Every structure is written in C-alpha cells, then in structure tokens.
Amino acid sequence: MKTTTEVNFTKVTEQQQGAAKDIILEGFKEYFGFIDHTMNPDLNNIYRHYNMNGNAFYVGEIEDWIICTGAITKESESTARIERMSVKKEYRRQGIAQKMLFHLEKQAGKMGYSKIVMETNKEWPSAINLYNTNGYTPFKRDSQRIHMLKEL
C-alpha cells in the first residue's frame, strides 16, 4: 500500500497496545517463521512495561490505523536503547521506519539522553542499512546480532 499521508507519532495508549503487539509479532513470524511468546514478555502489557523509568513506547498512525512501532528504553543516565522497531509489511519501503527512527532520536534527546544504542539480527540487511545510513556505527558483533551506537 503506497501512501503520501503524514504519519502521526504518539505514545502508545492502553487501547493501542494490542495492535502494536500484533505488528511486532507479525514481523517476527515473517522473519523467523514462528513466534516464541516466552521470549517477549514485555509485549503482554506494552503500556505498563514501557511507560515508566525513562522508557517510552510509540506508535505511528495513518488515519487512525497503527502502522509502525518503536520504543526507547533506559540503558544508563546518558544512554537510551531503541527497541521494538517494526513497520506493517504493506507500509514498508516508504521511509516510515526512518521517520520513526528520527522521532525516537528526537524524543530520546528530549528525555536527556546523549547516546543511543540498538541491536539487530545479522540476517536483517534492511535494518542494518537503515541504522548505518542514519549515523549508527557498529561497536559489537556476536554470532547472531550486530550492536550499534549513535551520539546525539
């Protein structure tokens, strides 16, 4: 689905958390072929888990339809972690992930963070390219993941 409509980013509400969870899990199923619910306990109550202690969870909407997600979690007083970046399949390749990334970076700065870290699966070149293109540099690699950092 192609669109030129602006994406509206807001903090997730209790009413939106089910749709946000579905977007994330759909992405996992697409990439991994299955969903291991024991690996994602934070998704059982996104609103409560992410909206406390220097954390924040955002959704992106077009005309009241949630199409993407992203979260900021506190690593330290100066460092935030970006997590749960996901875009509904039919909205990919339209720059929406980059818009969410910019939104998360802006919000992290407003929250007082000066650095952002993130990790992604080594088998996800589109995610790695997104972060590389936007100024993130690798600082650690392991057998499955690449860890990246950006100074704000």
Foldseek 3Di string as FASTA:
>chain_A
DDDPFDKDKDFDDQVCLVVLLVQLQVVCCVVVVDDDVVVCPCSVRVPVSAPDDLKTKMFIDGPPHTFWIWMWDDPDQAEIEIDSTGGHPVHPPHCPSVVVVVVVVVVNVVSPHFKYKYKDFPPDVVVVVSCVVVAWDFDDDDPTMTMTMHGD
